[in-house]
Amino acid sequence: MHIVDAQREVRTVYLGGFVGQIVSSLIWFASATIATAVDPKTGFWALAIGGMAIFPLTQGLLRLGGRPGSVSRENPLGQLGAQVAFTIPLVLPLAGIAAIVHPGWFYPACLVIVGAHYLPFIFLYGMKTFAVLAGALVAAGFALGILAPGAVISGGWVGGGLLFGFAFVLLAAFQCGEKGMVSHPV
């Protein structure tokens, strides 16, 4: 399977990342809601634990919609997706350590971690739109961490909002690419 075909399959199966972004945004919003209604530490745990459910929930929603939940075994990029997904649990303890030092750094650290984890998605999906998403998340994380470290919960809401908004940007980019309205992706 050629790389462009493998990327096309990834885009097609995952609708350009739309469903995963919706699931991610809902988990971030749930975390922010819990942090607001209960306490920040419980909200932090909700994001850490909920984050582990993103891929299975995405697969489930795709299957409920009558779509395949994963790429074919022949697709060499299927393993790259799994490897990229494992970067977050390996680095997430840093956000926890940051929160011990300053609780207002948890969500900003998570924004930077999640944003950085989207960089390989540019190649995985063959969509430059993921570079914009990665940049937006990283920039938001640094901005909140530096400019508003006392706004402990705001990063949860910002993360949810960015992921939700970009879900539709990714869907539009996917649909335009499928219709041949944009030049060939990465």
C-alpha atoms as a PDB file:
ATOM      1  CA  MET A   1       0.000   0.000   0.000  1.00  0.00           C
ATOM      2  CA  HIS A   2       1.404   3.402  -0.995  1.00  0.00           C
ATOM      3  CA  ILE A   3       1.624   6.153   1.627  1.00  0.00           C
ATOM      4  CA  VAL A   4      -0.957   8.361  -0.111  1.00  0.00           C
ATOM      5  CA  ASP A   5      -3.384   5.430  -0.161  1.00  0.00           C
ATOM      6  CA  ALA A   6      -2.714   4.678   3.497  1.00  0.00           C
ATOM      7  CA  GLN A   7      -3.308   8.342   4.405  1.00  0.00           C
ATOM      8  CA  ARG A   8      -6.508   8.399   2.351  1.00  0.00           C
ATOM      9  CA  GLU A   9      -7.765   5.341   4.237  1.00  0.00           C
ATOM     10  CA  VAL A  10      -6.957   6.973   7.601  1.00  0.00           C
ATOM     11  CA  ARG A  11      -8.799  10.138   6.543  1.00  0.00           C
ATOM     12  CA  THR A  12     -11.758   8.174   5.246  1.00  0.00           C
ATOM     13  CA  VAL A  13     -12.128   5.807   8.203  1.00  0.00           C
ATOM     14  CA  TYR A  14     -11.814   8.563  10.806  1.00  0.00           C
ATOM     15  CA  LEU A  15     -13.654  11.256   8.798  1.00  0.00           C
ATOM     16  CA  GLY A  16     -10.588  13.467   8.803  1.00  0.00           C
ATOM     17  CA  GLY A  17     -10.347  13.215  12.600  1.00  0.00           C
ATOM     18  CA  PHE A  18     -13.808  14.681  13.195  1.00  0.00           C
ATOM     19  CA  VAL A  19     -15.226  11.979  15.466  1.00  0.00           C
ATOM     20  CA  GLY A  20     -12.076  11.747  17.590  1.00  0.00           C
ATOM     21  CA  GLN A  21     -12.066  15.510  18.073  1.00  0.00           C
ATOM     22  CA  ILE A  22     -15.706  15.510  19.145  1.00  0.00           C
ATOM     23  CA  VAL A  23     -15.003  12.728  21.661  1.00  0.00           C
ATOM     24  CA  SER A  24     -11.882  14.533  22.912  1.00  0.00           C
ATOM     25  CA  SER A  25     -13.731  17.810  23.284  1.00  0.00           C
ATOM     26  CA  LEU A  26     -16.532  16.163  25.271  1.00  0.00           C
ATOM     27  CA  ILE A  27     -13.993  14.612  27.637  1.00  0.00           C
ATOM     28  CA  TRP A  28     -12.287  17.994  28.116  1.00  0.00           C
ATOM     29  CA  PHE A  29     -15.673  19.658  28.718  1.00  0.00           C
ATOM     30  CA  ALA A  30     -16.639  16.918  31.199  1.00  0.00           C
ATOM     31  CA  SER A  31     -13.342  17.398  33.006  1.00  0.00           C
ATOM     32  CA  ALA A  32     -13.818  21.170  33.188  1.00  0.00           C
ATOM     33  CA  THR A  33     -17.382  20.689  34.402  1.00  0.00           C
ATOM     34  CA  ILE A  34     -16.233  18.315  37.143  1.00  0.00           C
ATOM     35  CA  ALA A  35     -13.374  20.667  38.070  1.00  0.00           C
ATOM     36  CA  THR A  36     -15.886  23.512  38.356  1.00  0.00           C
ATOM     37  CA  ALA A  37     -18.663  21.618  40.165  1.00  0.00           C
ATOM     38  CA  VAL A  38     -16.610  19.339  42.416  1.00  0.00           C
ATOM     39  CA  ASP A  39     -12.961  20.427  42.627  1.00  0.00           C
ATOM     40  CA  PRO A  40     -10.023  20.856  40.242  1.00  0.00           C
ATOM     41  CA  LYS A  41      -8.183  17.711  41.345  1.00  0.00           C
ATOM     42  CA  THR A  42     -11.204  15.528  40.543  1.00  0.00           C
ATOM     43  CA  GLY A  43     -11.519  17.289  37.190  1.00  0.00           C
ATOM     44  CA  PHE A  44      -7.847  16.624  36.483  1.00  0.00           C
ATOM     45  CA  TRP A  45      -8.365  12.929  37.152  1.00  0.00           C
ATOM     46  CA  ALA A  46     -11.433  12.944  34.910  1.00  0.00           C
ATOM     47  CA  LEU A  47      -9.310  14.228  32.025  1.00  0.00           C
ATOM     48  CA  ALA A  48      -6.496  11.751  32.683  1.00  0.00           C
ATOM     49  CA  ILE A  49      -8.823   8.760  32.941  1.00  0.00           C
ATOM     50  CA  GLY A  50     -11.257   9.944  30.270  1.00  0.00           C
ATOM     51  CA  GLY A  51      -8.387  10.489  27.873  1.00  0.00           C
ATOM     52  CA  MET A  52      -7.723   6.756  27.907  1.00  0.00           C
ATOM     53  CA  ALA A  53     -11.229   6.221  26.529  1.00  0.00           C
ATOM     54  CA  ILE A  54     -10.910   8.541  23.524  1.00  0.00           C
ATOM     55  CA  PHE A  55      -9.878   5.925  20.969  1.00  0.00           C
ATOM     56  CA  PRO A  56     -12.331   3.190  22.044  1.00  0.00           C
ATOM     57  CA  LEU A  57     -15.183   5.715  22.200  1.00  0.00           C
ATOM     58  CA  THR A  58     -14.226   7.028  18.765  1.00  0.00           C
ATOM     59  CA  GLN A  59     -14.211   3.496  17.363  1.00  0.00           C
ATOM     60  CA  GLY A  60     -17.575   2.787  18.975  1.00  0.00           C
ATOM     61  CA  LEU A  61     -19.182   5.923  17.550  1.00  0.00           C
ATOM     62  CA  LEU A  62     -17.823   5.185  14.093  1.00  0.00           C
ATOM     63  CA  ARG A  63     -19.203   1.642  14.238  1.00  0.00           C
ATOM     64  CA  LEU A  64     -22.559   2.909  15.503  1.00  0.00           C
ATOM     65  CA  GLY A  65     -22.624   5.106  12.406  1.00  0.00           C
ATOM     66  CA  GLY A  66     -22.070   2.063  10.199  1.00  0.00           C
ATOM     67  CA  ARG A  67     -18.426   2.847   9.495  1.00  0.00           C
ATOM     68  CA  PRO A  68     -15.327   0.740  10.126  1.00  0.00           C
ATOM     69  CA  GLY A  69     -13.739   1.531  13.474  1.00  0.00           C
ATOM     70  CA  SER A  70     -10.158   1.134  12.306  1.00  0.00           C
ATOM     71  CA  VAL A  71      -7.978   1.007   9.217  1.00  0.00           C
ATOM     72  CA  SER A  72      -7.192  -2.244   7.412  1.00  0.00           C
ATOM     73  CA  ARG A  73      -4.396  -4.503   8.625  1.00  0.00           C
ATOM     74  CA  GLU A  74      -2.534  -3.756   5.403  1.00  0.00           C
ATOM     75  CA  ASN A  75      -2.318  -0.069   6.289  1.00  0.00           C
ATOM     76  CA  PRO A  76       1.200   0.619   7.601  1.00  0.00           C
ATOM     77  CA  LEU A  77      -0.008   3.812   9.293  1.00  0.00           C
ATOM     78  CA  GLY A  78      -2.305   1.938  11.664  1.00  0.00           C
ATOM     79  CA  GLN A  79       0.633   1.205  13.943  1.00  0.00           C
ATOM     80  CA  LEU A  80       1.797   4.822  13.811  1.00  0.00           C
ATOM     81  CA  GLY A  81      -1.580   5.898  15.183  1.00  0.00           C
ATOM     82  CA  ALA A  82      -1.225   3.533  18.137  1.00  0.00           C
ATOM     83  CA  GLN A  83       2.337   4.694  18.806  1.00  0.00           C
ATOM     84  CA  VAL A  84       1.299   8.347  18.745  1.00  0.00           C
ATOM     85  CA  ALA A  85      -1.568   7.613  21.131  1.00  0.00           C
ATOM     86  CA  PHE A  86       0.848   6.147  23.679  1.00  0.00           C
ATOM     87  CA  THR A  87       2.846   9.375  23.869  1.00  0.00           C
ATOM     88  CA  ILE A  88       0.200  11.032  26.033  1.00  0.00           C
ATOM     89  CA  PRO A  89       0.109   8.556  28.947  1.00  0.00           C
ATOM     90  CA  LEU A  90       3.907   8.525  28.955  1.00  0.00           C
ATOM     91  CA  VAL A  91       4.119  12.312  29.281  1.00  0.00           C
ATOM     92  CA  LEU A  92       0.941  13.029  31.276  1.00  0.00           C
ATOM     93  CA  PRO A  93       2.676  12.526  34.653  1.00  0.00           C
ATOM     94  CA  LEU A  94       4.566  15.758  33.907  1.00  0.00           C
ATOM     95  CA  ALA A  95       1.244  17.614  33.933  1.00  0.00           C
ATOM     96  CA  GLY A  96       0.480  16.006  37.290  1.00  0.00           C
ATOM     97  CA  ILE A  97       3.837  17.098  38.692  1.00  0.00           C
ATOM     98  CA  ALA A  98       3.245  20.602  37.337  1.00  0.00           C
ATOM     99  CA  ALA A  99      -0.136  20.638  39.101  1.00  0.00           C
ATOM    100  CA  ILE A 100       1.493  19.699  42.393  1.00  0.00           C
ATOM    101  CA  VAL A 101       3.753  22.735  42.077  1.00  0.00           C
ATOM    102  CA  HIS A 102       0.998  24.990  40.739  1.00  0.00           C
ATOM    103  CA  PRO A 103      -2.566  23.667  40.153  1.00  0.00           C
ATOM    104  CA  GLY A 104      -3.105  26.257  37.414  1.00  0.00           C
ATOM    105  CA  TRP A 105      -0.506  24.547  35.254  1.00  0.00           C
ATOM    106  CA  PHE A 106      -2.331  21.208  34.834  1.00  0.00           C
ATOM    107  CA  TYR A 107      -4.620  22.125  31.956  1.00  0.00           C
ATOM    108  CA  PRO A 108      -2.003  24.297  30.217  1.00  0.00           C
ATOM    109  CA  ALA A 109       0.488  21.423  30.424  1.00  0.00           C
ATOM    110  CA  CYS A 110      -2.139  19.067  29.002  1.00  0.00           C
ATOM    111  CA  LEU A 111      -2.834  21.508  26.177  1.00  0.00           C
ATOM    112  CA  VAL A 112       0.873  21.525  25.270  1.00  0.00           C
ATOM    113  CA  ILE A 113       1.124  17.719  25.548  1.00  0.00           C
ATOM    114  CA  VAL A 114      -1.981  17.090  23.455  1.00  0.00           C
ATOM    115  CA  GLY A 115      -0.978  19.755  20.940  1.00  0.00           C
ATOM    116  CA  ALA A 116       2.475  18.230  20.487  1.00  0.00           C
ATOM    117  CA  HIS A 117       0.945  14.782  20.091  1.00  0.00           C
ATOM    118  CA  TYR A 118      -1.029  16.067  17.072  1.00  0.00           C
ATOM    119  CA  LEU A 119       2.117  16.883  15.064  1.00  0.00           C
ATOM    120  CA  PRO A 120       2.503  13.304  13.710  1.00  0.00           C
ATOM    121  CA  PHE A 121      -1.173  13.442  12.678  1.00  0.00           C
ATOM    122  CA  ILE A 122      -0.095  15.785   9.863  1.00  0.00           C
ATOM    123  CA  PHE A 123       1.624  12.816   8.232  1.00  0.00           C
ATOM    124  CA  LEU A 124      -0.763  10.148   9.556  1.00  0.00           C
ATOM    125  CA  TYR A 125      -3.809  11.805   7.970  1.00  0.00           C
ATOM    126  CA  GLY A 126      -1.961  13.678   5.243  1.00  0.00           C
ATOM    127  CA  MET A 127      -3.697  16.848   6.462  1.00  0.00           C
ATOM    128  CA  LYS A 128      -1.853  20.080   7.205  1.00  0.00           C
ATOM    129  CA  THR A 129      -4.875  21.190   9.240  1.00  0.00           C
ATOM    130  CA  PHE A 130      -3.475  19.170  12.145  1.00  0.00           C
ATOM    131  CA  ALA A 131      -0.492  21.564  12.241  1.00  0.00           C
ATOM    132  CA  VAL A 132      -2.898  24.428  12.920  1.00  0.00           C
ATOM    133  CA  LEU A 133      -4.656  22.423  15.638  1.00  0.00           C
ATOM    134  CA  ALA A 134      -1.327  21.493  17.230  1.00  0.00           C
ATOM    135  CA  GLY A 135      -0.177  25.108  17.127  1.00  0.00           C
ATOM    136  CA  ALA A 136      -3.424  26.409  18.594  1.00  0.00           C
ATOM    137  CA  LEU A 137      -3.345  23.951  21.504  1.00  0.00           C
ATOM    138  CA  VAL A 138       0.337  24.545  22.279  1.00  0.00           C
ATOM    139  CA  ALA A 139      -0.054  28.330  22.042  1.00  0.00           C
ATOM    140  CA  ALA A 140      -3.127  28.258  24.280  1.00  0.00           C
ATOM    141  CA  GLY A 141      -1.298  26.099  26.810  1.00  0.00           C
ATOM    142  CA  PHE A 142       1.703  28.400  26.980  1.00  0.00           C
ATOM    143  CA  ALA A 143      -0.460  31.528  27.057  1.00  0.00           C
ATOM    144  CA  LEU A 144      -2.667  30.248  29.885  1.00  0.00           C
ATOM    145  CA  GLY A 145       0.270  28.857  31.844  1.00  0.00           C
ATOM    146  CA  ILE A 146       2.212  32.104  31.635  1.00  0.00           C
ATOM    147  CA  LEU A 147      -0.512  34.750  31.601  1.00  0.00           C
ATOM    148  CA  ALA A 148      -3.253  33.170  33.713  1.00  0.00           C
ATOM    149  CA  PRO A 149      -1.788  30.453  35.960  1.00  0.00           C
ATOM    150  CA  GLY A 150      -4.294  31.354  38.666  1.00  0.00           C
ATOM    151  CA  ALA A 151      -7.233  30.543  36.381  1.00  0.00           C
ATOM    152  CA  VAL A 152      -7.016  26.863  37.309  1.00  0.00           C
ATOM    153  CA  ILE A 153     -10.042  25.597  35.395  1.00  0.00           C
ATOM    154  CA  SER A 154     -10.023  27.873  32.358  1.00  0.00           C
ATOM    155  CA  GLY A 155      -7.625  25.619  30.442  1.00  0.00           C
ATOM    156  CA  GLY A 156     -10.146  22.799  30.572  1.00  0.00           C
ATOM    157  CA  TRP A 157     -12.787  24.968  28.944  1.00  0.00           C
ATOM    158  CA  VAL A 158     -10.310  26.351  26.403  1.00  0.00           C
ATOM    159  CA  GLY A 159      -9.126  22.836  25.501  1.00  0.00           C
ATOM    160  CA  GLY A 160     -12.681  21.610  25.067  1.00  0.00           C
ATOM    161  CA  GLY A 161     -13.566  24.616  22.950  1.00  0.00           C
ATOM    162  CA  LEU A 162     -10.531  24.360  20.691  1.00  0.00           C
ATOM    163  CA  LEU A 163     -11.021  20.637  20.138  1.00  0.00           C
ATOM    164  CA  PHE A 164     -14.734  21.091  19.460  1.00  0.00           C
ATOM    165  CA  GLY A 165     -14.173  23.920  16.998  1.00  0.00           C
ATOM    166  CA  PHE A 166     -11.360  22.102  15.216  1.00  0.00           C
ATOM    167  CA  ALA A 167     -13.536  19.001  14.848  1.00  0.00           C
ATOM    168  CA  PHE A 168     -15.577  20.944  12.318  1.00  0.00           C
ATOM    169  CA  VAL A 169     -12.503  22.513  10.696  1.00  0.00           C
ATOM    170  CA  LEU A 170     -11.064  19.019  10.209  1.00  0.00           C
ATOM    171  CA  LEU A 171     -14.359  17.717   8.828  1.00  0.00           C
ATOM    172  CA  ALA A 172     -14.541  20.602   6.353  1.00  0.00           C
ATOM    173  CA  ALA A 173     -10.910  20.065   5.292  1.00  0.00           C
ATOM    174  CA  PHE A 174     -11.611  16.344   4.833  1.00  0.00           C
ATOM    175  CA  GLN A 175     -14.749  17.001   2.789  1.00  0.00           C
ATOM    176  CA  CYS A 176     -13.007  19.577   0.610  1.00  0.00           C
ATOM    177  CA  GLY A 177     -10.134  17.164  -0.012  1.00  0.00           C
ATOM    178  CA  GLU A 178     -12.535  14.366  -0.915  1.00  0.00           C
ATOM    179  CA  LYS A 179     -14.287  16.624  -3.421  1.00  0.00           C
ATOM    180  CA  GLY A 180     -10.955  17.634  -4.932  1.00  0.00           C
ATOM    181  CA  MET A 181     -11.490  21.250  -3.864  1.00  0.00           C
ATOM    182  CA  VAL A 182      -8.030  21.512  -2.314  1.00  0.00           C
ATOM    183  CA  SER A 183      -4.667  20.384  -3.525  1.00  0.00           C
ATOM    184  CA  HIS A 184      -3.481  16.952  -2.475  1.00  0.00           C
ATOM    185  CA  PRO A 185      -2.773  16.807   1.280  1.00  0.00           C
ATOM    186  CA  VAL A 186       0.677  16.217   2.744  1.00  0.00           C
END
